[in-house]
């Protein structure tokens, strides 16, 4: 493999990972807007920003790494990136990082 081909693959991999990070930020945007702008009774949900944004961005980057590794047939790297993605998803679920403000509950809740 020559240097140009290797350089092209490296740049393409970086672009895929960057696109994954941007996709993660875009996926976070509705939650961030909901938690920061229209919080319950004017209260802002800062955990949406401090936990949700990094988890979604890193998750998008891990997904990009997984795809780039799979495209390059690097199975161990793909497995490692998929493991990181699963760990981020577990962290997000455990700490409920995309939880918005509590919903108003009527009688009988």
C-alpha atoms as a PDB file:
ATOM      1  CA  UNK A   1       0.000   0.000   0.000  1.00  0.00           C
ATOM      2  CA  UNK A   2       1.458   3.358  -0.982  1.00  0.00           C
ATOM      3  CA  UNK A   3       1.569   6.491   1.157  1.00  0.00           C
ATOM      4  CA  UNK A   4      -1.182   8.317  -0.755  1.00  0.00           C
ATOM      5  CA  UNK A   5      -3.667   5.524  -0.289  1.00  0.00           C
ATOM      6  CA  UNK A   6      -2.851   5.282   3.390  1.00  0.00           C
ATOM      7  CA  UNK A   7      -3.150   9.057   3.815  1.00  0.00           C
ATOM      8  CA  UNK A   8      -6.502   9.067   2.013  1.00  0.00           C
ATOM      9  CA  UNK A   9      -7.843   6.319   4.268  1.00  0.00           C
ATOM     10  CA  UNK A  10      -6.657   8.211   7.341  1.00  0.00           C
ATOM     11  CA  UNK A  11      -8.336  11.431   6.245  1.00  0.00           C
ATOM     12  CA  UNK A  12     -11.520   9.572   5.328  1.00  0.00           C
ATOM     13  CA  UNK A  13     -11.553   7.913   8.759  1.00  0.00           C
ATOM     14  CA  UNK A  14     -11.125  11.266  10.497  1.00  0.00           C
ATOM     15  CA  UNK A  15     -13.964  12.734   8.452  1.00  0.00           C
ATOM     16  CA  UNK A  16     -16.251   9.819   9.350  1.00  0.00           C
ATOM     17  CA  UNK A  17     -15.473  10.250  13.052  1.00  0.00           C
ATOM     18  CA  UNK A  18     -16.016  14.026  12.841  1.00  0.00           C
ATOM     19  CA  UNK A  19     -19.325  13.462  11.054  1.00  0.00           C
ATOM     20  CA  UNK A  20     -20.333  11.057  13.817  1.00  0.00           C
ATOM     21  CA  UNK A  21     -19.557  13.704  16.441  1.00  0.00           C
ATOM     22  CA  UNK A  22     -21.632  16.278  14.575  1.00  0.00           C
ATOM     23  CA  UNK A  23     -24.475  13.774  14.220  1.00  0.00           C
ATOM     24  CA  UNK A  24     -24.343  13.149  17.968  1.00  0.00           C
ATOM     25  CA  UNK A  25     -24.567  16.879  18.659  1.00  0.00           C
ATOM     26  CA  UNK A  26     -27.477  17.239  16.248  1.00  0.00           C
ATOM     27  CA  UNK A  27     -29.263  14.319  17.906  1.00  0.00           C
ATOM     28  CA  UNK A  28     -28.742  16.013  21.294  1.00  0.00           C
ATOM     29  CA  UNK A  29     -30.139  19.384  20.144  1.00  0.00           C
ATOM     30  CA  UNK A  30     -33.863  18.707  20.800  1.00  0.00           C
ATOM     31  CA  UNK A  31     -33.092  17.472  24.312  1.00  0.00           C
ATOM     32  CA  UNK A  32     -30.792  20.393  25.029  1.00  0.00           C
ATOM     33  CA  UNK A  33     -33.272  22.944  23.773  1.00  0.00           C
ATOM     34  CA  UNK A  34     -36.054  21.356  25.802  1.00  0.00           C
ATOM     35  CA  UNK A  35     -34.006  21.093  28.999  1.00  0.00           C
ATOM     36  CA  UNK A  36     -32.269  24.471  28.852  1.00  0.00           C
ATOM     37  CA  UNK A  37     -34.861  26.767  27.328  1.00  0.00           C
ATOM     38  CA  UNK A  38     -38.192  25.474  28.537  1.00  0.00           C
ATOM     39  CA  UNK A  39     -37.395  23.921  31.882  1.00  0.00           C
ATOM     40  CA  UNK A  40     -40.146  23.107  34.333  1.00  0.00           C
ATOM     41  CA  UNK A  41     -41.317  26.340  35.994  1.00  0.00           C
ATOM     42  CA  UNK A  42     -38.340  28.197  34.554  1.00  0.00           C
ATOM     43  CA  UNK A  43     -35.778  25.835  36.121  1.00  0.00           C
ATOM     44  CA  UNK A  44     -33.004  24.752  33.819  1.00  0.00           C
ATOM     45  CA  UNK A  45     -31.868  21.146  33.625  1.00  0.00           C
ATOM     46  CA  UNK A  46     -28.076  21.484  33.513  1.00  0.00           C
ATOM     47  CA  UNK A  47     -27.456  17.726  33.476  1.00  0.00           C
ATOM     48  CA  UNK A  48     -28.765  17.770  29.902  1.00  0.00           C
ATOM     49  CA  UNK A  49     -25.817  20.000  28.989  1.00  0.00           C
ATOM     50  CA  UNK A  50     -23.078  18.649  31.271  1.00  0.00           C
ATOM     51  CA  UNK A  51     -23.828  14.967  30.769  1.00  0.00           C
ATOM     52  CA  UNK A  52     -26.062  14.666  27.714  1.00  0.00           C
ATOM     53  CA  UNK A  53     -23.977  16.640  25.215  1.00  0.00           C
ATOM     54  CA  UNK A  54     -20.669  14.839  25.882  1.00  0.00           C
ATOM     55  CA  UNK A  55     -22.322  11.409  25.906  1.00  0.00           C
ATOM     56  CA  UNK A  56     -24.126  12.049  22.618  1.00  0.00           C
ATOM     57  CA  UNK A  57     -21.044  13.579  20.970  1.00  0.00           C
ATOM     58  CA  UNK A  58     -18.717  10.801  22.119  1.00  0.00           C
ATOM     59  CA  UNK A  59     -21.341   8.230  21.162  1.00  0.00           C
ATOM     60  CA  UNK A  60     -21.491   9.627  17.651  1.00  0.00           C
ATOM     61  CA  UNK A  61     -17.714   9.570  17.444  1.00  0.00           C
ATOM     62  CA  UNK A  62     -17.610   5.968  18.701  1.00  0.00           C
ATOM     63  CA  UNK A  63     -20.197   5.016  16.084  1.00  0.00           C
ATOM     64  CA  UNK A  64     -18.032   6.681  13.432  1.00  0.00           C
ATOM     65  CA  UNK A  65     -14.968   4.811  14.685  1.00  0.00           C
ATOM     66  CA  UNK A  66     -16.896   1.562  14.527  1.00  0.00           C
ATOM     67  CA  UNK A  67     -17.999   2.210  10.958  1.00  0.00           C
ATOM     68  CA  UNK A  68     -14.513   3.269   9.851  1.00  0.00           C
ATOM     69  CA  UNK A  69     -12.977   0.162  11.422  1.00  0.00           C
ATOM     70  CA  UNK A  70     -15.586  -2.090   9.830  1.00  0.00           C
ATOM     71  CA  UNK A  71     -15.024  -0.472   6.429  1.00  0.00           C
ATOM     72  CA  UNK A  72     -11.284  -1.087   6.801  1.00  0.00           C
ATOM     73  CA  UNK A  73     -11.892  -4.669   7.942  1.00  0.00           C
ATOM     74  CA  UNK A  74     -10.167  -4.020  11.272  1.00  0.00           C
ATOM     75  CA  UNK A  75     -12.289  -6.350  13.362  1.00  0.00           C
ATOM     76  CA  UNK A  76     -10.556  -5.865  16.723  1.00  0.00           C
ATOM     77  CA  UNK A  77     -10.700  -2.074  16.426  1.00  0.00           C
ATOM     78  CA  UNK A  78     -14.356  -2.309  15.456  1.00  0.00           C
ATOM     79  CA  UNK A  79     -15.049  -4.496  18.482  1.00  0.00           C
ATOM     80  CA  UNK A  80     -13.237  -2.042  20.768  1.00  0.00           C
ATOM     81  CA  UNK A  81     -15.142   0.935  19.352  1.00  0.00           C
ATOM     82  CA  UNK A  82     -18.436  -0.953  19.624  1.00  0.00           C
ATOM     83  CA  UNK A  83     -17.598  -1.751  23.246  1.00  0.00           C
ATOM     84  CA  UNK A  84     -16.945   1.944  23.916  1.00  0.00           C
ATOM     85  CA  UNK A  85     -20.263   2.780  22.250  1.00  0.00           C
ATOM     86  CA  UNK A  86     -22.072   0.234  24.431  1.00  0.00           C
ATOM     87  CA  UNK A  87     -20.393   1.634  27.554  1.00  0.00           C
ATOM     88  CA  UNK A  88     -21.473   5.170  26.639  1.00  0.00           C
ATOM     89  CA  UNK A  89     -25.011   3.968  26.014  1.00  0.00           C
ATOM     90  CA  UNK A  90     -25.010   2.212  29.394  1.00  0.00           C
ATOM     91  CA  UNK A  91     -23.733   5.351  31.107  1.00  0.00           C
ATOM     92  CA  UNK A  92     -26.421   7.400  29.391  1.00  0.00           C
ATOM     93  CA  UNK A  93     -29.170   5.036  30.484  1.00  0.00           C
ATOM     94  CA  UNK A  94     -27.836   4.648  34.037  1.00  0.00           C
ATOM     95  CA  UNK A  95     -27.581   8.383  34.667  1.00  0.00           C
ATOM     96  CA  UNK A  96     -30.555   9.303  32.459  1.00  0.00           C
ATOM     97  CA  UNK A  97     -28.481  11.983  30.761  1.00  0.00           C
ATOM     98  CA  UNK A  98     -31.203  12.984  28.306  1.00  0.00           C
ATOM     99  CA  UNK A  99     -33.891  13.349  30.906  1.00  0.00           C
ATOM    100  CA  UNK A 100     -35.815  16.520  30.345  1.00  0.00           C
ATOM    101  CA  UNK A 101     -37.650  18.507  32.962  1.00  0.00           C
ATOM    102  CA  UNK A 102     -40.310  16.604  34.892  1.00  0.00           C
ATOM    103  CA  UNK A 103     -43.718  16.560  33.280  1.00  0.00           C
ATOM    104  CA  UNK A 104     -46.636  18.177  35.028  1.00  0.00           C
ATOM    105  CA  UNK A 105     -48.692  15.430  36.537  1.00  0.00           C
ATOM    106  CA  UNK A 106     -52.402  15.734  37.208  1.00  0.00           C
ATOM    107  CA  UNK A 107     -54.400  14.155  39.999  1.00  0.00           C
ATOM    108  CA  UNK A 108     -53.926  10.453  40.477  1.00  0.00           C
ATOM    109  CA  UNK A 109     -50.225  10.266  39.573  1.00  0.00           C
END
